[in-house]
Amino acid sequence: MNGPGDTAPLAHRVPDLGAMELLLAVARHGSLGRAARDLGITQPAASSRVRSMERLLGVALVERSPRGSRLTAEGVLVTDWARRVVEAAEAFEAGAQALRGRRDSRLRVAASMTIAEYLLPGWLIALRSERPGTAVSLSAGNSAVVAERLLSDEADLGFVEGLGVPAGLDSAVIGHDRLFVVAAPSHPWARRRHPLLPAELAATPLILREPGSGTRQVLDAALAAHGGLAEPLIELSSTTAVKASVVSGAGPSVLSELALGEELAARRLVQIPVEGVRLRRDLRAVWRQGPLPAGPARDLLSLTRPT
């Protein structure tokens, strides 16, 4: 409730844009009927809008006669002010449209390595067919790096694999992924007759991605109750490098099922069964906390499918 010295909000004290546009149309056409047709409204609706404007301002704006409608002296003055407001609104709308155009002309994506290598290429090809004018840039890194880029406004949309959502981000699960223990065919594990136990896996030095990667987060959590991960045999910053090392016989590893199709099919790597431990993770789209991203980021999000 307003106090003695307060005023109502401006929106309650001045006519709205539609009323101002109607007044400008009356000045242009010299007829309330023609003004109504110009704006796509009925003449009774136009008359009602003019009367509401006159009550709000406390002055007569339009004189009606059988020959048409003309502005009063006060109406001429108010029309001049209304013209400036409508022109400012048009400039506002043009500026907003330019901002949308700039937003829609580019899309900055940050993705963890597995998604960047094995899923995003297909999504981006589909996006290009829908938005050929959008320039897309992709930066790949581990899940922690993706979160940093989003929070520092260096990316519009991110994709991560891991146990949860980094602080300051919202997310949507877009699929699921399994992690496989793999080794070269020459490795002793490839000849095992029984599945690995969690304690054996935890105690064995593995070829691993660096701390901060989604794969490493899931593995750390899964083996925490079994003594934790042994000191890595080798730490590498890309899935491709890890695979190459395992294929060469350097040691076993734990990698995404998405990354292993070709190597398992060609028997360059062997999947080692494990029991008693859950090696599974969610794949998530992530963005800065708030509403779903708009423009091309939302279109890309709609193209992702459960994997």
C-alpha atoms as a PDB file:
ATOM      1  CA  MET A   1       0.000   0.000   0.000  1.00  0.00           C
ATOM      2  CA  ASN A   2       1.430   3.412  -0.955  1.00  0.00           C
ATOM      3  CA  GLY A   3       2.137   6.004   1.724  1.00  0.00           C
ATOM      4  CA  PRO A   4       1.189   9.692   1.483  1.00  0.00           C
ATOM      5  CA  GLY A   5       4.385  10.621  -0.339  1.00  0.00           C
ATOM      6  CA  ASP A   6       4.512   7.576  -2.592  1.00  0.00           C
ATOM      7  CA  THR A   7       3.304   7.259  -6.176  1.00  0.00           C
ATOM      8  CA  ALA A   8       1.936   4.265  -8.016  1.00  0.00           C
ATOM      9  CA  PRO A   9       4.337   2.375 -10.290  1.00  0.00           C
ATOM     10  CA  LEU A  10       4.957   4.086 -13.621  1.00  0.00           C
ATOM     11  CA  ALA A  11       3.152   1.303 -15.482  1.00  0.00           C
ATOM     12  CA  HIS A  12      -0.046   2.339 -13.676  1.00  0.00           C
ATOM     13  CA  ARG A  13       0.370   6.033 -14.452  1.00  0.00           C
ATOM     14  CA  VAL A  14       1.083   6.098 -18.185  1.00  0.00           C
ATOM     15  CA  PRO A  15      -0.682   4.487 -21.182  1.00  0.00           C
ATOM     16  CA  ASP A  16       0.717   1.219 -22.487  1.00  0.00           C
ATOM     17  CA  LEU A  17       2.474   0.895 -25.842  1.00  0.00           C
ATOM     18  CA  GLY A  18      -0.636  -0.429 -27.575  1.00  0.00           C
ATOM     19  CA  ALA A  19      -2.604   2.673 -26.602  1.00  0.00           C
ATOM     20  CA  MET A  20       0.200   4.943 -27.794  1.00  0.00           C
ATOM     21  CA  GLU A  21       0.390   3.137 -31.131  1.00  0.00           C
ATOM     22  CA  LEU A  22      -3.368   3.581 -31.518  1.00  0.00           C
ATOM     23  CA  LEU A  23      -3.070   7.321 -30.889  1.00  0.00           C
ATOM     24  CA  LEU A  24      -0.336   7.579 -33.531  1.00  0.00           C
ATOM     25  CA  ALA A  25      -2.534   5.666 -35.991  1.00  0.00           C
ATOM     26  CA  VAL A  26      -5.461   8.063 -35.375  1.00  0.00           C
ATOM     27  CA  ALA A  27      -3.140  10.993 -36.100  1.00  0.00           C
ATOM     28  CA  ARG A  28      -1.965   9.250 -39.267  1.00  0.00           C
ATOM     29  CA  HIS A  29      -5.355   8.272 -40.683  1.00  0.00           C
ATOM     30  CA  GLY A  30      -7.688  10.937 -39.235  1.00  0.00           C
ATOM     31  CA  SER A  31     -10.150   8.146 -38.482  1.00  0.00           C
ATOM     32  CA  LEU A  32     -10.568   5.871 -35.467  1.00  0.00           C
ATOM     33  CA  GLY A  33     -12.026   3.147 -37.694  1.00  0.00           C
ATOM     34  CA  ARG A  34      -9.088   3.194 -40.119  1.00  0.00           C
ATOM     35  CA  ALA A  35      -6.652   3.298 -37.187  1.00  0.00           C
ATOM     36  CA  ALA A  36      -8.345   0.223 -35.706  1.00  0.00           C
ATOM     37  CA  ARG A  37      -8.092  -1.659 -39.031  1.00  0.00           C
ATOM     38  CA  ASP A  38      -4.438  -0.666 -39.347  1.00  0.00           C
ATOM     39  CA  LEU A  39      -3.691  -2.230 -35.960  1.00  0.00           C
ATOM     40  CA  GLY A  40      -5.883  -5.275 -36.469  1.00  0.00           C
ATOM     41  CA  ILE A  41      -8.425  -4.507 -33.732  1.00  0.00           C
ATOM     42  CA  THR A  42     -12.146  -3.756 -33.802  1.00  0.00           C
ATOM     43  CA  GLN A  43     -13.465  -0.170 -33.733  1.00  0.00           C
ATOM     44  CA  PRO A  44     -15.259  -0.727 -30.383  1.00  0.00           C
ATOM     45  CA  ALA A  45     -11.991  -1.985 -28.898  1.00  0.00           C
ATOM     46  CA  ALA A  46     -10.192   1.081 -30.265  1.00  0.00           C
ATOM     47  CA  SER A  47     -12.834   3.420 -28.820  1.00  0.00           C
ATOM     48  CA  SER A  48     -12.586   1.709 -25.436  1.00  0.00           C
ATOM     49  CA  ARG A  49      -8.795   2.014 -25.471  1.00  0.00           C
ATOM     50  CA  VAL A  50      -8.963   5.744 -26.264  1.00  0.00           C
ATOM     51  CA  ARG A  51     -11.479   6.349 -23.452  1.00  0.00           C
ATOM     52  CA  SER A  52      -9.256   4.444 -20.998  1.00  0.00           C
ATOM     53  CA  MET A  53      -6.297   6.580 -22.070  1.00  0.00           C
ATOM     54  CA  GLU A  54      -8.287   9.780 -21.601  1.00  0.00           C
ATOM     55  CA  ARG A  55      -9.419   8.704 -18.114  1.00  0.00           C
ATOM     56  CA  LEU A  56      -5.868   7.833 -17.141  1.00  0.00           C
ATOM     57  CA  LEU A  57      -4.428  11.181 -18.323  1.00  0.00           C
ATOM     58  CA  GLY A  58      -7.432  13.285 -17.337  1.00  0.00           C
ATOM     59  CA  VAL A  59      -7.701  15.081 -20.697  1.00  0.00           C
ATOM     60  CA  ALA A  60      -9.637  14.598 -23.953  1.00  0.00           C
ATOM     61  CA  LEU A  61      -7.403  13.317 -26.729  1.00  0.00           C
ATOM     62  CA  VAL A  62      -9.712  12.666 -29.697  1.00  0.00           C
ATOM     63  CA  GLU A  63     -12.718  14.576 -31.055  1.00  0.00           C
ATOM     64  CA  ARG A  64     -15.178  12.360 -32.923  1.00  0.00           C
ATOM     65  CA  SER A  65     -17.538  13.643 -35.650  1.00  0.00           C
ATOM     66  CA  PRO A  66     -19.417  12.201 -38.637  1.00  0.00           C
ATOM     67  CA  ARG A  67     -16.514  13.336 -40.803  1.00  0.00           C
ATOM     68  CA  GLY A  68     -13.964  11.328 -38.791  1.00  0.00           C
ATOM     69  CA  SER A  69     -11.746  11.705 -35.732  1.00  0.00           C
ATOM     70  CA  ARG A  70      -9.130  14.342 -35.058  1.00  0.00           C
ATOM     71  CA  LEU A  71      -6.779  14.996 -32.199  1.00  0.00           C
ATOM     72  CA  THR A  72      -7.506  17.727 -29.679  1.00  0.00           C
ATOM     73  CA  ALA A  73      -4.767  20.222 -28.869  1.00  0.00           C
ATOM     74  CA  GLU A  74      -3.888  18.098 -25.860  1.00  0.00           C
ATOM     75  CA  GLY A  75      -4.047  15.006 -28.074  1.00  0.00           C
ATOM     76  CA  VAL A  76      -1.487  16.529 -30.469  1.00  0.00           C
ATOM     77  CA  LEU A  77       0.898  17.137 -27.572  1.00  0.00           C
ATOM     78  CA  VAL A  78       0.383  13.662 -26.085  1.00  0.00           C
ATOM     79  CA  THR A  79       0.842  12.119 -29.552  1.00  0.00           C
ATOM     80  CA  ASP A  80       4.212  13.837 -29.875  1.00  0.00           C
ATOM     81  CA  TRP A  81       5.309  12.369 -26.547  1.00  0.00           C
ATOM     82  CA  ALA A  82       3.886   8.969 -27.495  1.00  0.00           C
ATOM     83  CA  ARG A  83       5.868   9.018 -30.750  1.00  0.00           C
ATOM     84  CA  ARG A  84       9.125   9.363 -28.801  1.00  0.00           C
ATOM     85  CA  VAL A  85       8.161   6.499 -26.473  1.00  0.00           C
ATOM     86  CA  VAL A  86       7.218   4.216 -29.379  1.00  0.00           C
ATOM     87  CA  GLU A  87      10.454   5.069 -31.214  1.00  0.00           C
ATOM     88  CA  ALA A  88      12.427   4.251 -28.045  1.00  0.00           C
ATOM     89  CA  ALA A  89      10.537   0.946 -27.750  1.00  0.00           C
ATOM     90  CA  GLU A  90      11.363   0.129 -31.377  1.00  0.00           C
ATOM     91  CA  ALA A  91      15.032   0.858 -30.696  1.00  0.00           C
ATOM     92  CA  PHE A  92      14.822  -1.350 -27.591  1.00  0.00           C
ATOM     93  CA  GLU A  93      13.300  -4.197 -29.608  1.00  0.00           C
ATOM     94  CA  ALA A  94      15.915  -3.819 -32.363  1.00  0.00           C
ATOM     95  CA  GLY A  95      18.681  -3.960 -29.775  1.00  0.00           C
ATOM     96  CA  ALA A  96      17.211  -7.073 -28.178  1.00  0.00           C
ATOM     97  CA  GLN A  97      16.937  -8.698 -31.607  1.00  0.00           C
ATOM     98  CA  ALA A  98      20.585  -7.873 -32.290  1.00  0.00           C
ATOM     99  CA  LEU A  99      21.549  -9.493 -28.983  1.00  0.00           C
ATOM    100  CA  ARG A 100      19.597 -12.609 -29.917  1.00  0.00           C
ATOM    101  CA  GLY A 101      21.251 -12.628 -33.314  1.00  0.00           C
ATOM    102  CA  ARG A 102      24.694 -12.397 -31.739  1.00  0.00           C
ATOM    103  CA  ARG A 103      23.825 -15.162 -29.277  1.00  0.00           C
ATOM    104  CA  ASP A 104      22.434 -17.372 -32.027  1.00  0.00           C
ATOM    105  CA  SER A 105      25.439 -16.831 -34.293  1.00  0.00           C
ATOM    106  CA  ARG A 106      27.812 -18.748 -32.012  1.00  0.00           C
ATOM    107  CA  LEU A 107      27.819 -21.651 -29.565  1.00  0.00           C
ATOM    108  CA  ARG A 108      30.682 -22.400 -27.194  1.00  0.00           C
ATOM    109  CA  VAL A 109      30.675 -26.008 -26.000  1.00  0.00           C
ATOM    110  CA  ALA A 110      32.938 -27.547 -23.371  1.00  0.00           C
ATOM    111  CA  ALA A 111      32.940 -31.323 -22.997  1.00  0.00           C
ATOM    112  CA  SER A 112      34.822 -33.981 -21.117  1.00  0.00           C
ATOM    113  CA  MET A 113      37.059 -36.109 -23.278  1.00  0.00           C
ATOM    114  CA  THR A 114      34.882 -39.184 -23.801  1.00  0.00           C
ATOM    115  CA  ILE A 115      31.797 -37.207 -24.807  1.00  0.00           C
ATOM    116  CA  ALA A 116      33.873 -34.840 -26.960  1.00  0.00           C
ATOM    117  CA  GLU A 117      35.477 -37.709 -28.870  1.00  0.00           C
ATOM    118  CA  TYR A 118      32.644 -40.213 -29.190  1.00  0.00           C
ATOM    119  CA  LEU A 119      29.263 -38.453 -28.918  1.00  0.00           C
ATOM    120  CA  LEU A 120      29.518 -34.748 -29.702  1.00  0.00           C
ATOM    121  CA  PRO A 121      30.605 -35.074 -33.355  1.00  0.00           C
ATOM    122  CA  GLY A 122      27.279 -36.674 -34.274  1.00  0.00           C
ATOM    123  CA  TRP A 123      25.274 -34.131 -32.276  1.00  0.00           C
ATOM    124  CA  LEU A 124      27.129 -31.219 -33.871  1.00  0.00           C
ATOM    125  CA  ILE A 125      26.545 -32.562 -37.377  1.00  0.00           C
ATOM    126  CA  ALA A 126      22.804 -32.724 -36.602  1.00  0.00           C
ATOM    127  CA  LEU A 127      22.888 -29.200 -35.144  1.00  0.00           C
ATOM    128  CA  ARG A 128      24.575 -27.841 -38.258  1.00  0.00           C
ATOM    129  CA  SER A 129      21.743 -29.115 -40.421  1.00  0.00           C
ATOM    130  CA  GLU A 130      19.283 -27.197 -38.215  1.00  0.00           C
ATOM    131  CA  ARG A 131      21.413 -24.069 -37.688  1.00  0.00           C
ATOM    132  CA  PRO A 132      23.870 -23.737 -40.593  1.00  0.00           C
ATOM    133  CA  GLY A 133      24.658 -20.144 -39.632  1.00  0.00           C
ATOM    134  CA  THR A 134      25.804 -20.936 -36.092  1.00  0.00           C
ATOM    135  CA  ALA A 135      29.558 -21.113 -35.548  1.00  0.00           C
ATOM    136  CA  VAL A 136      30.394 -23.786 -32.953  1.00  0.00           C
ATOM    137  CA  SER A 137      33.596 -23.948 -30.948  1.00  0.00           C
ATOM    138  CA  LEU A 138      34.416 -27.031 -28.875  1.00  0.00           C
ATOM    139  CA  SER A 139      36.917 -27.243 -26.057  1.00  0.00           C
ATOM    140  CA  ALA A 140      37.675 -30.636 -24.504  1.00  0.00           C
ATOM    141  CA  GLY A 141      39.020 -31.318 -21.031  1.00  0.00           C
ATOM    142  CA  ASN A 142      38.182 -33.272 -17.927  1.00  0.00           C
ATOM    143  CA  SER A 143      34.959 -32.695 -15.978  1.00  0.00           C
ATOM    144  CA  ALA A 144      36.603 -30.212 -13.611  1.00  0.00           C
ATOM    145  CA  VAL A 145      37.867 -28.101 -16.543  1.00  0.00           C
ATOM    146  CA  VAL A 146      34.395 -28.115 -18.129  1.00  0.00           C
ATOM    147  CA  ALA A 147      32.913 -26.735 -14.888  1.00  0.00           C
ATOM    148  CA  GLU A 148      35.582 -24.008 -14.719  1.00  0.00           C
ATOM    149  CA  ARG A 149      34.868 -22.880 -18.285  1.00  0.00           C
ATOM    150  CA  LEU A 150      31.142 -22.649 -17.670  1.00  0.00           C
ATOM    151  CA  LEU A 151      31.528 -20.750 -14.397  1.00  0.00           C
ATOM    152  CA  SER A 152      33.959 -18.270 -15.985  1.00  0.00           C
ATOM    153  CA  ASP A 153      31.550 -17.696 -18.928  1.00  0.00           C
ATOM    154  CA  GLU A 154      33.959 -19.278 -21.416  1.00  0.00           C
ATOM    155  CA  ALA A 155      31.319 -21.816 -22.511  1.00  0.00           C
ATOM    156  CA  ASP A 156      27.547 -21.764 -23.032  1.00  0.00           C
ATOM    157  CA  LEU A 157      26.881 -25.471 -22.547  1.00  0.00           C
ATOM    158  CA  GLY A 158      28.941 -28.329 -21.156  1.00  0.00           C
ATOM    159  CA  PHE A 159      28.898 -32.120 -21.061  1.00  0.00           C
ATOM    160  CA  VAL A 160      30.461 -34.207 -18.285  1.00  0.00           C
ATOM    161  CA  GLU A 161      30.667 -37.778 -17.043  1.00  0.00           C
ATOM    162  CA  GLY A 162      30.909 -38.285 -13.327  1.00  0.00           C
ATOM    163  CA  LEU A 163      29.175 -38.852 -10.039  1.00  0.00           C
ATOM    164  CA  GLY A 164      27.430 -35.521  -9.570  1.00  0.00           C
ATOM    165  CA  VAL A 165      26.957 -31.929 -10.639  1.00  0.00           C
ATOM    166  CA  PRO A 166      29.773 -29.453  -9.967  1.00  0.00           C
ATOM    167  CA  ALA A 167      28.846 -26.579  -7.625  1.00  0.00           C
ATOM    168  CA  GLY A 168      27.268 -23.591  -9.350  1.00  0.00           C
ATOM    169  CA  LEU A 169      25.861 -25.601 -12.262  1.00  0.00           C
ATOM    170  CA  ASP A 170      22.504 -27.104 -13.190  1.00  0.00           C
ATOM    171  CA  SER A 171      22.263 -30.280 -15.220  1.00  0.00           C
ATOM    172  CA  ALA A 172      20.172 -32.820 -17.079  1.00  0.00           C
ATOM    173  CA  VAL A 173      21.046 -36.505 -17.449  1.00  0.00           C
ATOM    174  CA  ILE A 174      21.309 -37.300 -21.160  1.00  0.00           C
ATOM    175  CA  GLY A 175      22.509 -40.897 -20.960  1.00  0.00           C
ATOM    176  CA  HIS A 176      24.512 -43.514 -19.095  1.00  0.00           C
ATOM    177  CA  ASP A 177      27.888 -45.136 -19.557  1.00  0.00           C
ATOM    178  CA  ARG A 178      29.640 -48.248 -18.272  1.00  0.00           C
ATOM    179  CA  LEU A 179      33.315 -48.493 -17.433  1.00  0.00           C
ATOM    180  CA  PHE A 180      35.180 -51.629 -18.526  1.00  0.00           C
ATOM    181  CA  VAL A 181      38.388 -53.052 -17.109  1.00  0.00           C
ATOM    182  CA  VAL A 182      40.575 -53.804 -20.136  1.00  0.00           C
ATOM    183  CA  ALA A 183      44.011 -55.220 -20.849  1.00  0.00           C
ATOM    184  CA  ALA A 184      46.084 -56.344 -23.815  1.00  0.00           C
ATOM    185  CA  PRO A 185      45.540 -59.994 -24.884  1.00  0.00           C
ATOM    186  CA  SER A 186      49.054 -60.769 -23.632  1.00  0.00           C
ATOM    187  CA  HIS A 187      48.287 -59.594 -20.077  1.00  0.00           C
ATOM    188  CA  PRO A 188      47.802 -62.317 -17.422  1.00  0.00           C
ATOM    189  CA  TRP A 189      44.319 -61.000 -16.647  1.00  0.00           C
ATOM    190  CA  ALA A 190      43.234 -61.884 -20.195  1.00  0.00           C
ATOM    191  CA  ARG A 191      43.660 -65.578 -19.319  1.00  0.00           C
ATOM    192  CA  ARG A 192      41.773 -65.488 -16.029  1.00  0.00           C
ATOM    193  CA  ARG A 193      38.964 -67.963 -15.521  1.00  0.00           C
ATOM    194  CA  HIS A 194      37.293 -66.032 -12.714  1.00  0.00           C
ATOM    195  CA  PRO A 195      36.204 -62.396 -12.468  1.00  0.00           C
ATOM    196  CA  LEU A 196      38.406 -59.859 -10.768  1.00  0.00           C
ATOM    197  CA  LEU A 197      37.473 -58.928  -7.222  1.00  0.00           C
ATOM    198  CA  PRO A 198      37.290 -55.254  -6.186  1.00  0.00           C
ATOM    199  CA  ALA A 199      40.254 -55.600  -3.821  1.00  0.00           C
ATOM    200  CA  GLU A 200      42.423 -57.018  -6.633  1.00  0.00           C
ATOM    201  CA  LEU A 201      41.481 -54.158  -8.929  1.00  0.00           C
ATOM    202  CA  ALA A 202      42.140 -51.576  -6.217  1.00  0.00           C
ATOM    203  CA  ALA A 203      45.564 -53.028  -5.382  1.00  0.00           C
ATOM    204  CA  THR A 204      46.780 -53.145  -8.995  1.00  0.00           C
ATOM    205  CA  PRO A 205      48.633 -50.140 -10.478  1.00  0.00           C
ATOM    206  CA  LEU A 206      46.574 -49.052 -13.494  1.00  0.00           C
ATOM    207  CA  ILE A 207      47.048 -46.775 -16.479  1.00  0.00           C
ATOM    208  CA  LEU A 208      44.606 -43.976 -15.661  1.00  0.00           C
ATOM    209  CA  ARG A 209      43.283 -40.592 -16.671  1.00  0.00           C
ATOM    210  CA  GLU A 210      44.345 -37.649 -14.534  1.00  0.00           C
ATOM    211  CA  PRO A 211      42.568 -36.631 -11.284  1.00  0.00           C
ATOM    212  CA  GLY A 212      39.490 -34.528 -12.132  1.00  0.00           C
ATOM    213  CA  SER A 213      38.392 -36.744 -15.004  1.00  0.00           C
ATOM    214  CA  GLY A 214      34.952 -38.316 -14.768  1.00  0.00           C
ATOM    215  CA  THR A 215      36.396 -41.811 -15.183  1.00  0.00           C
ATOM    216  CA  ARG A 216      38.830 -41.274 -12.316  1.00  0.00           C
ATOM    217  CA  GLN A 217      36.070 -39.873 -10.047  1.00  0.00           C
ATOM    218  CA  VAL A 218      33.860 -42.939 -10.575  1.00  0.00           C
ATOM    219  CA  LEU A 219      36.739 -45.355 -10.073  1.00  0.00           C
ATOM    220  CA  ASP A 220      37.926 -43.598  -6.893  1.00  0.00           C
ATOM    221  CA  ALA A 221      34.420 -43.746  -5.418  1.00  0.00           C
ATOM    222  CA  ALA A 222      33.775 -47.359  -6.457  1.00  0.00           C
ATOM    223  CA  LEU A 223      37.007 -48.657  -4.898  1.00  0.00           C
ATOM    224  CA  ALA A 224      37.097 -46.445  -1.786  1.00  0.00           C
ATOM    225  CA  ALA A 225      35.587 -49.222   0.331  1.00  0.00           C
ATOM    226  CA  HIS A 226      38.139 -51.729  -0.985  1.00  0.00           C
ATOM    227  CA  GLY A 227      41.328 -49.968   0.040  1.00  0.00           C
ATOM    228  CA  GLY A 228      41.256 -47.209  -2.593  1.00  0.00           C
ATOM    229  CA  LEU A 229      43.137 -46.994  -5.847  1.00  0.00           C
ATOM    230  CA  ALA A 230      46.765 -48.030  -5.892  1.00  0.00           C
ATOM    231  CA  GLU A 231      49.292 -45.483  -7.104  1.00  0.00           C
ATOM    232  CA  PRO A 232      48.743 -45.271 -10.882  1.00  0.00           C
ATOM    233  CA  LEU A 233      51.182 -47.019 -13.158  1.00  0.00           C
ATOM    234  CA  ILE A 234      50.876 -44.095 -15.607  1.00  0.00           C
ATOM    235  CA  GLU A 235      48.648 -40.997 -15.629  1.00  0.00           C
ATOM    236  CA  LEU A 236      47.631 -39.627 -19.024  1.00  0.00           C
ATOM    237  CA  SER A 237      45.399 -36.726 -20.043  1.00  0.00           C
ATOM    238  CA  SER A 238      43.435 -38.326 -22.880  1.00  0.00           C
ATOM    239  CA  THR A 239      41.474 -41.501 -23.448  1.00  0.00           C
ATOM    240  CA  THR A 240      43.282 -42.098 -26.739  1.00  0.00           C
ATOM    241  CA  ALA A 241      46.669 -42.045 -24.995  1.00  0.00           C
ATOM    242  CA  VAL A 242      45.437 -44.416 -22.295  1.00  0.00           C
ATOM    243  CA  LYS A 243      44.151 -46.877 -24.910  1.00  0.00           C
ATOM    244  CA  ALA A 244      47.409 -46.796 -26.846  1.00  0.00           C
ATOM    245  CA  SER A 245      49.366 -47.580 -23.696  1.00  0.00           C
ATOM    246  CA  VAL A 246      47.113 -50.500 -22.787  1.00  0.00           C
ATOM    247  CA  VAL A 247      47.248 -51.904 -26.336  1.00  0.00           C
ATOM    248  CA  SER A 248      51.048 -51.768 -26.170  1.00  0.00           C
ATOM    249  CA  GLY A 249      50.968 -54.058 -23.133  1.00  0.00           C
ATOM    250  CA  ALA A 250      52.073 -51.464 -20.596  1.00  0.00           C
ATOM    251  CA  GLY A 251      49.306 -52.431 -18.163  1.00  0.00           C
ATOM    252  CA  PRO A 252      45.557 -52.632 -17.592  1.00  0.00           C
ATOM    253  CA  SER A 253      43.117 -49.761 -17.364  1.00  0.00           C
ATOM    254  CA  VAL A 254      39.481 -48.815 -16.778  1.00  0.00           C
ATOM    255  CA  LEU A 255      37.845 -46.980 -19.697  1.00  0.00           C
ATOM    256  CA  SER A 256      34.450 -45.973 -21.031  1.00  0.00           C
ATOM    257  CA  GLU A 257      32.539 -48.538 -23.053  1.00  0.00           C
ATOM    258  CA  LEU A 258      31.977 -45.750 -25.605  1.00  0.00           C
ATOM    259  CA  ALA A 259      35.711 -45.596 -26.309  1.00  0.00           C
ATOM    260  CA  LEU A 260      36.351 -49.305 -26.670  1.00  0.00           C
ATOM    261  CA  GLY A 261      34.147 -50.630 -29.487  1.00  0.00           C
ATOM    262  CA  GLU A 262      36.821 -50.832 -32.165  1.00  0.00           C
ATOM    263  CA  GLU A 263      39.587 -52.195 -29.928  1.00  0.00           C
ATOM    264  CA  LEU A 264      37.384 -54.884 -28.372  1.00  0.00           C
ATOM    265  CA  ALA A 265      35.971 -55.944 -31.758  1.00  0.00           C
ATOM    266  CA  ALA A 266      39.485 -56.274 -33.207  1.00  0.00           C
ATOM    267  CA  ARG A 267      40.746 -58.060 -30.076  1.00  0.00           C
ATOM    268  CA  ARG A 268      43.452 -55.472 -29.551  1.00  0.00           C
ATOM    269  CA  LEU A 269      42.005 -55.194 -26.047  1.00  0.00           C
ATOM    270  CA  VAL A 270      40.195 -57.720 -23.869  1.00  0.00           C
ATOM    271  CA  GLN A 271      37.439 -56.888 -21.394  1.00  0.00           C
ATOM    272  CA  ILE A 272      38.175 -58.317 -17.950  1.00  0.00           C
ATOM    273  CA  PRO A 273      35.058 -59.303 -15.943  1.00  0.00           C
ATOM    274  CA  VAL A 274      34.775 -57.751 -12.480  1.00  0.00           C
ATOM    275  CA  GLU A 275      32.280 -58.616  -9.781  1.00  0.00           C
ATOM    276  CA  GLY A 276      31.258 -56.843  -6.604  1.00  0.00           C
ATOM    277  CA  VAL A 277      31.747 -53.283  -7.801  1.00  0.00           C
ATOM    278  CA  ARG A 278      29.513 -50.912  -9.784  1.00  0.00           C
ATOM    279  CA  LEU A 279      31.342 -49.167 -12.607  1.00  0.00           C
ATOM    280  CA  ARG A 280      28.594 -47.036 -14.124  1.00  0.00           C
ATOM    281  CA  ARG A 281      28.048 -43.300 -14.487  1.00  0.00           C
ATOM    282  CA  ASP A 282      25.619 -40.704 -15.747  1.00  0.00           C
ATOM    283  CA  LEU A 283      26.336 -38.526 -18.749  1.00  0.00           C
ATOM    284  CA  ARG A 284      25.124 -34.984 -18.098  1.00  0.00           C
ATOM    285  CA  ALA A 285      24.594 -31.727 -19.908  1.00  0.00           C
ATOM    286  CA  VAL A 286      25.551 -28.856 -17.589  1.00  0.00           C
ATOM    287  CA  TRP A 287      25.094 -25.084 -17.612  1.00  0.00           C
ATOM    288  CA  ARG A 288      25.374 -22.170 -15.196  1.00  0.00           C
ATOM    289  CA  GLN A 289      22.675 -22.232 -12.529  1.00  0.00           C
ATOM    290  CA  GLY A 290      19.430 -20.758 -13.784  1.00  0.00           C
ATOM    291  CA  PRO A 291      16.962 -21.448 -16.579  1.00  0.00           C
ATOM    292  CA  LEU A 292      17.726 -23.827 -19.426  1.00  0.00           C
ATOM    293  CA  PRO A 293      20.037 -22.235 -21.983  1.00  0.00           C
ATOM    294  CA  ALA A 294      18.339 -20.621 -24.979  1.00  0.00           C
ATOM    295  CA  GLY A 295      19.103 -20.444 -28.708  1.00  0.00           C
ATOM    296  CA  PRO A 296      21.540 -22.936 -30.227  1.00  0.00           C
ATOM    297  CA  ALA A 297      22.532 -24.301 -26.789  1.00  0.00           C
ATOM    298  CA  ARG A 298      18.950 -25.423 -26.189  1.00  0.00           C
ATOM    299  CA  ASP A 299      18.757 -26.865 -29.717  1.00  0.00           C
ATOM    300  CA  LEU A 300      21.927 -28.900 -29.114  1.00  0.00           C
ATOM    301  CA  LEU A 301      20.537 -30.118 -25.792  1.00  0.00           C
ATOM    302  CA  SER A 302      17.370 -31.299 -27.558  1.00  0.00           C
ATOM    303  CA  LEU A 303      19.487 -33.335 -30.005  1.00  0.00           C
ATOM    304  CA  THR A 304      21.152 -35.423 -27.302  1.00  0.00           C
ATOM    305  CA  ARG A 305      19.679 -38.837 -26.816  1.00  0.00           C
ATOM    306  CA  PRO A 306      20.108 -41.491 -24.105  1.00  0.00           C
ATOM    307  CA  THR A 307      23.151 -43.539 -25.007  1.00  0.00           C
END
